[in-house]
Structures are given as structure tokens and as C-alpha cells.
Amino acid sequence: MKRILILTVMLALLSVETGDVKAQQKPGERESLKGIVSVLVIVQVPKVEQHPPGLTQSDLQTSVELRLRKAGVPIMVPPSQEERSCILQVELTIVRMLDDPGIAYGLDVTAKQITTLSRDRSITCLSTTWQRGQVGILGRKVIDDLRGIVGDRVDEFINDYLAANPKK
């Protein structure tokens, strides 16, 4: 019963934030990645006391960047500010369950780019142009499961990036 309650709360919170629990590809998402020359990766994980032991922001950041590099997606290193770059933000939310070794989690992976408003070309802003999310409950093998889940969503970004930017 506690698991159902926690998952329901997480779904409600994430649906408000992302609009879709596990987003399907929306029109224009893949095309929005065309011409991106590099990706800045930003990983956000809960405070140390909330996340499972062995899961650090640094480890997850390295894992995501390595996955992108292996697929041939160029990584941007700050303070470089290439206009044709995007930010790939990986945000992980974790709720520990009472009297249970498992966790409820929410994952949001978004690509953000500088966009220009069509109604006024002098206005630019940072906008989400690609997004995938997922929520769930994990048992004892939390770390490996979370890394795999994050990897799956990053792989979706890689597939869309490579499809939008074929090698010549």
C-alpha cells in the first residue's frame, strides 16, 4: 500500500513538471537536434543523504558523458559557449520507502537549446526541445538499475541525435 501511495505521489509530481510520465516522441523533437555541434551534460541527483550509497553526481555525470562519447556525440566543456550546442540535463528524483530497502524514482532527461521567438526575433530564451521521463519503484539492486534506466533514456537522445546528424 505504501508503494502505491509513493508511486502515485511521484507520478503526480512528475506529470505536473514534465506533462508526460514516459514521453513519446513529439513532432519536431528529433529535428530540433539537427546541427548541434556539442552537448553540455548537467546531471542533478538528490542530496547525499537521500540517494542510495554508491550513486554520486560525479559517477552518473561520467557515465552519461562516456555513453555520449562512445556514440560519437561531441561533449562541450565549460566555459565554451558555442551557439550551436545544447544542454542535456539529467535530473533524478528519489524517494526512500519506509520499512523497505527500495526506492521510488523519477527521471527526466531533457535537451535545452537557445531559441528565438518567431513573434519577436530579438527575444531569445533557453527552451526544452527534446524530453524523456520515467518513474518507477526499484528494489535492492538500486544502483545498477538506476544506471541502466538513465542509460536507456540517454540512448534515446543519442539515437535521435545521430538520426538528425548523419555522418557524411
N, C-alpha and C. Protein backbone atom coordinates (compact mmCIF):
# COMPACT_ATOMS: atom_id res chain seq x y z
N MET A 1 0.82 -1.19 0.00
CA MET A 1 0.00 0.00 0.00
C MET A 1 0.87 1.26 0.00
N LYS A 2 1.96 1.22 0.80
CA LYS A 2 2.86 2.38 0.85
C LYS A 2 3.50 2.62 -0.51
N ARG A 3 3.87 1.54 -1.21
CA ARG A 3 4.48 1.68 -2.53
C ARG A 3 3.52 2.37 -3.50
N ILE A 4 2.29 1.97 -3.47
CA ILE A 4 1.30 2.55 -4.38
C ILE A 4 1.12 4.03 -4.08
N LEU A 5 1.05 4.38 -2.80
CA LEU A 5 0.90 5.78 -2.41
C LEU A 5 2.10 6.62 -2.86
N ILE A 6 3.29 6.12 -2.63
CA ILE A 6 4.51 6.85 -3.01
C ILE A 6 4.57 7.00 -4.53
N LEU A 7 4.29 5.93 -5.26
CA LEU A 7 4.33 5.99 -6.72
C LEU A 7 3.28 6.97 -7.25
N THR A 8 2.10 6.98 -6.64
CA THR A 8 1.05 7.91 -7.06
C THR A 8 1.48 9.35 -6.86
N VAL A 9 2.10 9.64 -5.72
CA VAL A 9 2.59 10.98 -5.44
C VAL A 9 3.67 11.36 -6.44
N MET A 10 4.62 10.45 -6.70
CA MET A 10 5.69 10.73 -7.66
C MET A 10 5.11 10.98 -9.05
N LEU A 11 4.15 10.17 -9.48
CA LEU A 11 3.54 10.36 -10.79
C LEU A 11 2.88 11.73 -10.88
N ALA A 12 2.19 12.11 -9.82
CA ALA A 12 1.51 13.41 -9.82
C ALA A 12 2.52 14.54 -9.92
N LEU A 13 3.61 14.45 -9.14
CA LEU A 13 4.63 15.50 -9.17
C LEU A 13 5.30 15.58 -10.53
N LEU A 14 5.65 14.45 -11.10
CA LEU A 14 6.33 14.45 -12.39
C LEU A 14 5.41 14.85 -13.52
N SER A 15 4.14 14.48 -13.45
CA SER A 15 3.24 14.85 -14.54
C SER A 15 3.01 16.35 -14.55
N VAL A 16 3.07 16.98 -13.40
CA VAL A 16 2.96 18.44 -13.35
C VAL A 16 4.20 19.06 -13.98
N GLU A 17 5.37 18.50 -13.66
CA GLU A 17 6.62 19.07 -14.14
C GLU A 17 6.87 18.75 -15.60
N THR A 18 6.66 17.51 -16.02
CA THR A 18 7.03 17.11 -17.36
C THR A 18 5.85 16.99 -18.32
N GLY A 19 4.66 16.91 -17.79
CA GLY A 19 3.49 16.81 -18.64
C GLY A 19 3.25 15.41 -19.19
N ASP A 20 4.20 14.51 -19.03
CA ASP A 20 4.06 13.18 -19.58
C ASP A 20 5.00 12.27 -18.79
N VAL A 21 4.48 11.18 -18.26
CA VAL A 21 5.30 10.33 -17.41
C VAL A 21 6.41 9.65 -18.19
N LYS A 22 6.07 8.99 -19.28
CA LYS A 22 7.10 8.42 -20.14
C LYS A 22 6.79 8.92 -21.54
N ALA A 23 7.40 10.02 -21.89
CA ALA A 23 7.04 10.75 -23.10
C ALA A 23 7.32 9.95 -24.36
N GLN A 24 6.38 10.04 -25.29
CA GLN A 24 6.60 9.53 -26.63
C GLN A 24 7.24 10.65 -27.43
N GLN A 25 7.83 10.31 -28.56
CA GLN A 25 8.46 11.34 -29.37
C GLN A 25 7.40 12.30 -29.89
N LYS A 26 7.67 13.57 -29.70
CA LYS A 26 6.75 14.62 -30.14
C LYS A 26 7.24 15.18 -31.47
N PRO A 27 6.33 15.72 -32.27
CA PRO A 27 6.74 16.28 -33.56
C PRO A 27 7.83 17.34 -33.38
N GLY A 28 8.85 17.24 -34.19
CA GLY A 28 9.93 18.23 -34.16
C GLY A 28 11.05 17.95 -33.18
N GLU A 29 10.86 16.99 -32.26
CA GLU A 29 11.92 16.73 -31.28
C GLU A 29 13.22 16.31 -31.94
N ARG A 30 13.15 15.29 -32.77
CA ARG A 30 14.37 14.78 -33.42
C ARG A 30 14.98 15.87 -34.31
N GLU A 31 14.14 16.55 -35.07
CA GLU A 31 14.62 17.59 -35.98
C GLU A 31 15.30 18.73 -35.22
N SER A 32 14.87 18.98 -33.98
CA SER A 32 15.45 20.07 -33.19
C SER A 32 16.91 19.81 -32.84
N LEU A 33 17.35 18.56 -32.99
CA LEU A 33 18.73 18.21 -32.66
C LEU A 33 19.68 18.36 -33.85
N LYS A 34 19.11 18.62 -35.03
CA LYS A 34 19.93 18.74 -36.24
C LYS A 34 20.85 19.95 -36.14
N GLY A 35 22.11 19.74 -36.45
CA GLY A 35 23.09 20.83 -36.47
C GLY A 35 23.74 21.12 -35.13
N ILE A 36 23.39 20.38 -34.10
CA ILE A 36 24.05 20.58 -32.79
C ILE A 36 25.49 20.10 -32.91
N VAL A 37 26.44 20.96 -32.52
CA VAL A 37 27.85 20.61 -32.67
C VAL A 37 28.46 20.05 -31.38
N SER A 38 27.83 20.30 -30.24
CA SER A 38 28.33 19.73 -28.99
C SER A 38 27.23 19.77 -27.93
N VAL A 39 27.41 18.95 -26.91
CA VAL A 39 26.42 18.79 -25.84
C VAL A 39 27.10 19.04 -24.50
N LEU A 40 26.49 19.91 -23.70
CA LEU A 40 26.94 20.14 -22.32
C LEU A 40 26.06 19.28 -21.43
N VAL A 41 26.64 18.39 -20.64
CA VAL A 41 25.88 17.48 -19.79
C VAL A 41 25.81 18.06 -18.38
N ILE A 42 24.58 18.13 -17.86
CA ILE A 42 24.36 18.54 -16.48
C ILE A 42 23.55 17.44 -15.81
N VAL A 43 24.09 16.86 -14.74
CA VAL A 43 23.40 15.80 -14.02
C VAL A 43 23.05 16.31 -12.63
N GLN A 44 21.80 16.12 -12.25
CA GLN A 44 21.33 16.52 -10.93
C GLN A 44 20.81 15.28 -10.21
N VAL A 45 21.34 15.02 -9.03
CA VAL A 45 20.88 13.92 -8.20
C VAL A 45 20.50 14.48 -6.83
N PRO A 46 19.72 13.73 -6.05
CA PRO A 46 19.32 14.21 -4.73
C PRO A 46 20.52 14.41 -3.80
N LYS A 47 20.25 15.07 -2.68
CA LYS A 47 21.28 15.27 -1.67
C LYS A 47 21.83 13.92 -1.23
N VAL A 48 23.05 13.92 -0.76
CA VAL A 48 23.75 12.68 -0.40
C VAL A 48 22.93 11.80 0.53
N GLU A 49 22.26 12.38 1.53
CA GLU A 49 21.52 11.56 2.49
C GLU A 49 20.27 10.93 1.87
N GLN A 50 19.84 11.39 0.70
CA GLN A 50 18.64 10.85 0.08
C GLN A 50 18.94 9.78 -0.96
N HIS A 51 20.10 9.86 -1.60
CA HIS A 51 20.34 8.87 -2.66
C HIS A 51 21.02 7.63 -2.11
N PRO A 52 20.90 6.52 -2.83
CA PRO A 52 21.50 5.26 -2.38
C PRO A 52 23.02 5.36 -2.32
N PRO A 53 23.64 4.66 -1.38
CA PRO A 53 25.11 4.66 -1.32
C PRO A 53 25.69 4.16 -2.63
N GLY A 54 26.75 4.81 -3.10
CA GLY A 54 27.40 4.39 -4.33
C GLY A 54 26.90 5.13 -5.56
N LEU A 55 25.90 5.96 -5.41
CA LEU A 55 25.38 6.73 -6.54
C LEU A 55 25.71 8.20 -6.31
N THR A 56 26.70 8.71 -7.01
CA THR A 56 27.07 10.11 -6.84
C THR A 56 26.81 10.88 -8.12
N GLN A 57 26.71 12.17 -7.99
CA GLN A 57 26.51 13.03 -9.16
C GLN A 57 27.68 12.86 -10.11
N SER A 58 28.88 12.82 -9.57
CA SER A 58 30.09 12.69 -10.38
C SER A 58 30.11 11.39 -11.18
N ASP A 59 29.77 10.27 -10.53
CA ASP A 59 29.75 8.97 -11.21
C ASP A 59 28.72 8.94 -12.34
N LEU A 60 27.54 9.48 -12.06
CA LEU A 60 26.49 9.49 -13.06
C LEU A 60 26.84 10.43 -14.21
N GLN A 61 27.45 11.56 -13.91
CA GLN A 61 27.89 12.52 -14.93
C GLN A 61 28.90 11.84 -15.87
N THR A 62 29.88 11.17 -15.27
CA THR A 62 30.90 10.47 -16.06
C THR A 62 30.27 9.39 -16.92
N SER A 63 29.32 8.65 -16.36
CA SER A 63 28.66 7.57 -17.09
C SER A 63 27.89 8.11 -18.31
N VAL A 64 27.16 9.21 -18.13
CA VAL A 64 26.39 9.80 -19.23
C VAL A 64 27.34 10.33 -20.30
N GLU A 65 28.38 11.07 -19.90
CA GLU A 65 29.33 11.63 -20.86
C GLU A 65 30.05 10.53 -21.64
N LEU A 66 30.44 9.46 -20.96
CA LEU A 66 31.12 8.35 -21.62
C LEU A 66 30.20 7.70 -22.66
N ARG A 67 28.94 7.52 -22.31
CA ARG A 67 27.97 6.93 -23.22
C ARG A 67 27.82 7.79 -24.48
N LEU A 68 27.74 9.10 -24.29
CA LEU A 68 27.63 10.02 -25.43
C LEU A 68 28.89 9.98 -26.30
N ARG A 69 30.06 10.02 -25.66
CA ARG A 69 31.33 9.99 -26.41
C ARG A 69 31.47 8.71 -27.23
N LYS A 70 31.12 7.58 -26.63
CA LYS A 70 31.21 6.29 -27.34
C LYS A 70 30.33 6.28 -28.58
N ALA A 71 29.22 7.01 -28.52
CA ALA A 71 28.31 7.05 -29.67
C ALA A 71 28.71 8.12 -30.68
N GLY A 72 29.76 8.89 -30.37
CA GLY A 72 30.22 9.92 -31.29
C GLY A 72 29.57 11.28 -31.12
N VAL A 73 28.90 11.49 -29.98
CA VAL A 73 28.28 12.79 -29.71
C VAL A 73 29.32 13.67 -29.02
N PRO A 74 29.70 14.80 -29.62
CA PRO A 74 30.73 15.66 -29.02
C PRO A 74 30.26 16.29 -27.71
N ILE A 75 31.13 16.26 -26.72
CA ILE A 75 30.83 16.83 -25.40
C ILE A 75 31.45 18.23 -25.30
N MET A 76 30.66 19.20 -24.85
CA MET A 76 31.15 20.56 -24.66
C MET A 76 31.70 20.69 -23.25
N VAL A 77 32.85 21.32 -23.14
CA VAL A 77 33.46 21.54 -21.83
C VAL A 77 33.34 23.02 -21.50
N PRO A 78 32.72 23.36 -20.35
CA PRO A 78 32.62 24.78 -19.98
C PRO A 78 34.01 25.37 -19.84
N PRO A 79 34.24 26.61 -20.08
CA PRO A 79 33.26 27.69 -20.28
C PRO A 79 32.94 27.94 -21.74
N SER A 80 33.23 27.02 -22.65
CA SER A 80 32.91 27.18 -24.07
C SER A 80 31.43 27.53 -24.23
N GLN A 81 31.13 28.44 -25.14
CA GLN A 81 29.73 28.84 -25.33
C GLN A 81 29.37 28.82 -26.81
N GLU A 82 29.49 27.69 -27.43
CA GLU A 82 29.13 27.51 -28.84
C GLU A 82 27.62 27.67 -28.99
N GLU A 83 27.19 28.52 -29.92
CA GLU A 83 25.76 28.77 -30.11
C GLU A 83 25.00 27.55 -30.62
N ARG A 84 25.69 26.67 -31.31
CA ARG A 84 25.01 25.51 -31.86
C ARG A 84 25.13 24.30 -30.95
N SER A 85 25.25 24.54 -29.66
CA SER A 85 25.32 23.48 -28.67
C SER A 85 23.98 23.34 -27.97
N CYS A 86 23.85 22.28 -27.20
CA CYS A 86 22.66 22.14 -26.36
C CYS A 86 23.09 21.63 -24.99
N ILE A 87 22.20 21.78 -24.05
CA ILE A 87 22.40 21.25 -22.70
C ILE A 87 21.59 19.98 -22.59
N LEU A 88 22.22 18.89 -22.21
CA LEU A 88 21.49 17.66 -21.91
C LEU A 88 21.44 17.57 -20.39
N GLN A 89 20.25 17.76 -19.85
CA GLN A 89 20.07 17.75 -18.40
C GLN A 89 19.45 16.43 -17.97
N VAL A 90 20.10 15.77 -17.02
CA VAL A 90 19.61 14.51 -16.46
C VAL A 90 19.27 14.79 -15.00
N GLU A 91 17.99 14.73 -14.68
CA GLU A 91 17.54 15.04 -13.32
C GLU A 91 16.88 13.81 -12.70
N LEU A 92 17.43 13.39 -11.57
CA LEU A 92 16.95 12.20 -10.89
C LEU A 92 16.35 12.61 -9.55
N THR A 93 15.12 12.16 -9.29
CA THR A 93 14.45 12.40 -8.02
C THR A 93 14.26 11.05 -7.35
N ILE A 94 14.58 10.97 -6.06
CA ILE A 94 14.48 9.70 -5.34
C ILE A 94 13.71 9.91 -4.04
N VAL A 95 12.81 8.96 -3.77
CA VAL A 95 12.08 8.95 -2.50
C VAL A 95 12.31 7.59 -1.87
N ARG A 96 12.90 7.60 -0.68
CA ARG A 96 13.11 6.33 0.03
C ARG A 96 11.78 5.86 0.63
N MET A 97 11.56 4.56 0.57
CA MET A 97 10.32 4.00 1.12
C MET A 97 10.57 3.56 2.57
N LEU A 98 9.60 3.81 3.40
CA LEU A 98 9.71 3.42 4.80
C LEU A 98 9.65 1.91 4.93
N ASP A 99 10.44 1.37 5.84
CA ASP A 99 10.44 -0.07 6.12
C ASP A 99 10.65 -0.93 4.87
N ASP A 100 11.41 -0.42 3.91
CA ASP A 100 11.64 -1.15 2.68
C ASP A 100 12.99 -0.70 2.12
N PRO A 101 13.82 -1.63 1.62
CA PRO A 101 15.12 -1.20 1.07
C PRO A 101 15.00 -0.52 -0.29
N GLY A 102 13.82 -0.54 -0.89
CA GLY A 102 13.66 0.02 -2.23
C GLY A 102 13.45 1.52 -2.23
N ILE A 103 13.33 2.05 -3.44
CA ILE A 103 13.09 3.48 -3.62
C ILE A 103 12.04 3.69 -4.72
N ALA A 104 11.41 4.84 -4.68
CA ALA A 104 10.62 5.32 -5.81
C ALA A 104 11.50 6.37 -6.49
N TYR A 105 11.46 6.41 -7.82
CA TYR A 105 12.32 7.37 -8.51
C TYR A 105 11.54 8.06 -9.63
N GLY A 106 12.05 9.21 -9.99
CA GLY A 106 11.58 9.93 -11.17
C GLY A 106 12.81 10.37 -11.94
N LEU A 107 12.79 10.22 -13.24
CA LEU A 107 13.91 10.59 -14.09
C LEU A 107 13.40 11.49 -15.20
N ASP A 108 14.09 12.58 -15.42
CA ASP A 108 13.74 13.49 -16.50
C ASP A 108 15.03 13.81 -17.27
N VAL A 109 15.06 13.49 -18.55
CA VAL A 109 16.20 13.78 -19.41
C VAL A 109 15.72 14.77 -20.47
N THR A 110 16.33 15.96 -20.50
CA THR A 110 15.89 16.99 -21.43
C THR A 110 17.08 17.59 -22.18
N ALA A 111 16.82 17.96 -23.43
CA ALA A 111 17.78 18.74 -24.21
C ALA A 111 17.24 20.15 -24.26
N LYS A 112 18.08 21.10 -23.90
CA LYS A 112 17.68 22.51 -23.89
C LYS A 112 18.58 23.28 -24.83
N GLN A 113 17.96 24.18 -25.60
CA GLN A 113 18.70 24.98 -26.57
C GLN A 113 18.24 26.43 -26.50
N ILE A 114 19.10 27.30 -26.98
CA ILE A 114 18.73 28.69 -27.10
C ILE A 114 17.82 28.81 -28.31
N THR A 115 16.65 29.38 -28.12
CA THR A 115 15.68 29.53 -29.20
C THR A 115 15.32 31.01 -29.38
N THR A 116 14.81 31.31 -30.54
CA THR A 116 14.36 32.67 -30.86
C THR A 116 12.86 32.62 -31.06
N LEU A 117 12.15 33.56 -30.47
CA LEU A 117 10.71 33.60 -30.63
C LEU A 117 10.34 34.06 -32.04
N SER A 118 9.41 33.36 -32.68
CA SER A 118 9.02 33.74 -34.03
C SER A 118 8.27 35.06 -34.06
N ARG A 119 7.60 35.41 -32.97
CA ARG A 119 6.84 36.66 -32.96
C ARG A 119 7.73 37.87 -32.76
N ASP A 120 8.92 37.66 -32.20
CA ASP A 120 9.86 38.77 -32.00
C ASP A 120 11.26 38.19 -32.00
N ARG A 121 11.95 38.26 -33.12
CA ARG A 121 13.26 37.64 -33.31
C ARG A 121 14.35 38.24 -32.42
N SER A 122 14.05 39.35 -31.73
CA SER A 122 15.05 39.92 -30.82
C SER A 122 15.02 39.24 -29.46
N ILE A 123 14.03 38.36 -29.22
CA ILE A 123 13.90 37.66 -27.94
C ILE A 123 14.43 36.24 -28.08
N THR A 124 15.41 35.90 -27.25
CA THR A 124 15.92 34.53 -27.21
C THR A 124 15.76 34.00 -25.79
N CYS A 125 15.61 32.68 -25.69
CA CYS A 125 15.48 32.06 -24.37
C CYS A 125 15.96 30.61 -24.45
N LEU A 126 16.19 30.03 -23.29
CA LEU A 126 16.58 28.63 -23.20
C LEU A 126 15.30 27.81 -23.14
N SER A 127 15.13 26.89 -24.09
CA SER A 127 13.89 26.11 -24.19
C SER A 127 14.19 24.62 -24.25
N THR A 128 13.28 23.83 -23.72
CA THR A 128 13.37 22.38 -23.84
C THR A 128 12.88 22.00 -25.23
N THR A 129 13.75 21.30 -25.98
CA THR A 129 13.39 20.90 -27.34
C THR A 129 13.27 19.38 -27.49
N TRP A 130 13.72 18.64 -26.49
CA TRP A 130 13.66 17.17 -26.51
C TRP A 130 13.52 16.72 -25.07
N GLN A 131 12.67 15.72 -24.81
CA GLN A 131 12.45 15.30 -23.43
C GLN A 131 11.99 13.86 -23.34
N ARG A 132 12.51 13.15 -22.34
CA ARG A 132 12.03 11.81 -21.99
C ARG A 132 12.00 11.74 -20.47
N GLY A 133 11.00 11.04 -19.94
CA GLY A 133 10.88 10.89 -18.49
C GLY A 133 10.44 9.49 -18.14
N GLN A 134 10.64 9.14 -16.90
CA GLN A 134 10.25 7.81 -16.43
C GLN A 134 10.12 7.85 -14.92
N VAL A 135 9.16 7.11 -14.39
CA VAL A 135 9.03 6.93 -12.95
C VAL A 135 8.91 5.45 -12.65
N GLY A 136 9.24 5.07 -11.43
CA GLY A 136 9.12 3.67 -11.07
C GLY A 136 9.55 3.40 -9.64
N ILE A 137 9.53 2.13 -9.30
CA ILE A 137 9.96 1.66 -7.98
C ILE A 137 11.03 0.60 -8.21
N LEU A 138 12.11 0.69 -7.44
CA LEU A 138 13.20 -0.28 -7.54
C LEU A 138 13.43 -0.97 -6.21
N GLY A 139 13.87 -2.21 -6.29
CA GLY A 139 14.15 -2.99 -5.08
C GLY A 139 15.58 -2.86 -4.63
N ARG A 140 16.21 -3.96 -4.29
CA ARG A 140 17.53 -3.96 -3.66
C ARG A 140 18.69 -3.57 -4.59
N LYS A 141 18.61 -3.89 -5.87
CA LYS A 141 19.72 -3.58 -6.79
C LYS A 141 19.56 -2.18 -7.37
N VAL A 142 19.38 -1.22 -6.50
CA VAL A 142 19.04 0.14 -6.90
C VAL A 142 20.08 0.78 -7.82
N ILE A 143 21.35 0.71 -7.45
CA ILE A 143 22.39 1.43 -8.20
C ILE A 143 22.47 0.94 -9.64
N ASP A 144 22.61 -0.36 -9.84
CA ASP A 144 22.70 -0.89 -11.19
C ASP A 144 21.44 -0.61 -12.00
N ASP A 145 20.29 -0.76 -11.35
CA ASP A 145 19.03 -0.50 -12.04
C ASP A 145 18.92 0.97 -12.46
N LEU A 146 19.27 1.89 -11.57
CA LEU A 146 19.19 3.32 -11.89
C LEU A 146 20.15 3.69 -13.01
N ARG A 147 21.36 3.17 -12.97
CA ARG A 147 22.31 3.47 -14.06
C ARG A 147 21.79 2.95 -15.39
N GLY A 148 21.18 1.78 -15.38
CA GLY A 148 20.62 1.22 -16.61
C GLY A 148 19.45 2.05 -17.13
N ILE A 149 18.61 2.52 -16.23
CA ILE A 149 17.45 3.32 -16.62
C ILE A 149 17.91 4.66 -17.19
N VAL A 150 18.86 5.31 -16.52
CA VAL A 150 19.41 6.57 -17.04
C VAL A 150 20.04 6.32 -18.41
N GLY A 151 20.80 5.24 -18.53
CA GLY A 151 21.43 4.89 -19.80
C GLY A 151 20.43 4.69 -20.92
N ASP A 152 19.30 4.06 -20.62
CA ASP A 152 18.27 3.84 -21.64
C ASP A 152 17.72 5.16 -22.17
N ARG A 153 17.46 6.10 -21.28
CA ARG A 153 16.92 7.40 -21.72
C ARG A 153 17.99 8.19 -22.49
N VAL A 154 19.24 8.12 -22.05
CA VAL A 154 20.33 8.80 -22.77
C VAL A 154 20.49 8.16 -24.15
N ASP A 155 20.34 6.85 -24.25
CA ASP A 155 20.41 6.17 -25.55
C ASP A 155 19.33 6.68 -26.50
N GLU A 156 18.15 6.99 -25.98
CA GLU A 156 17.10 7.55 -26.84
C GLU A 156 17.55 8.90 -27.41
N PHE A 157 18.19 9.73 -26.56
CA PHE A 157 18.72 11.00 -27.05
C PHE A 157 19.79 10.75 -28.12
N ILE A 158 20.70 9.82 -27.85
CA ILE A 158 21.77 9.51 -28.80
C ILE A 158 21.18 9.08 -30.14
N ASN A 159 20.20 8.19 -30.10
CA ASN A 159 19.59 7.71 -31.35
C ASN A 159 18.97 8.85 -32.14
N ASP A 160 18.27 9.75 -31.46
CA ASP A 160 17.66 10.88 -32.16
C ASP A 160 18.72 11.85 -32.66
N TYR A 161 19.76 12.09 -31.86
CA TYR A 161 20.85 12.99 -32.27
C TYR A 161 21.53 12.45 -33.52
N LEU A 162 21.87 11.16 -33.51
CA LEU A 162 22.56 10.56 -34.66
C LEU A 162 21.66 10.52 -35.90
N ALA A 163 20.36 10.31 -35.70
CA ALA A 163 19.44 10.31 -36.84
C ALA A 163 19.32 11.72 -37.44
N ALA A 164 19.37 12.73 -36.59
CA ALA A 164 19.26 14.12 -37.06
C ALA A 164 20.58 14.64 -37.63
N ASN A 165 21.68 14.01 -37.27
CA ASN A 165 23.02 14.45 -37.70
C ASN A 165 23.79 13.28 -38.29
N PRO A 166 23.33 12.74 -39.42
CA PRO A 166 24.04 11.60 -40.01
C PRO A 166 25.46 11.96 -40.44
N LYS A 167 26.35 11.00 -40.32
CA LYS A 167 27.73 11.23 -40.76
C LYS A 167 27.74 11.32 -42.28
N LYS A 168 28.54 12.27 -42.77
CA LYS A 168 28.58 12.49 -44.23
C LYS A 168 29.66 11.71 -44.89
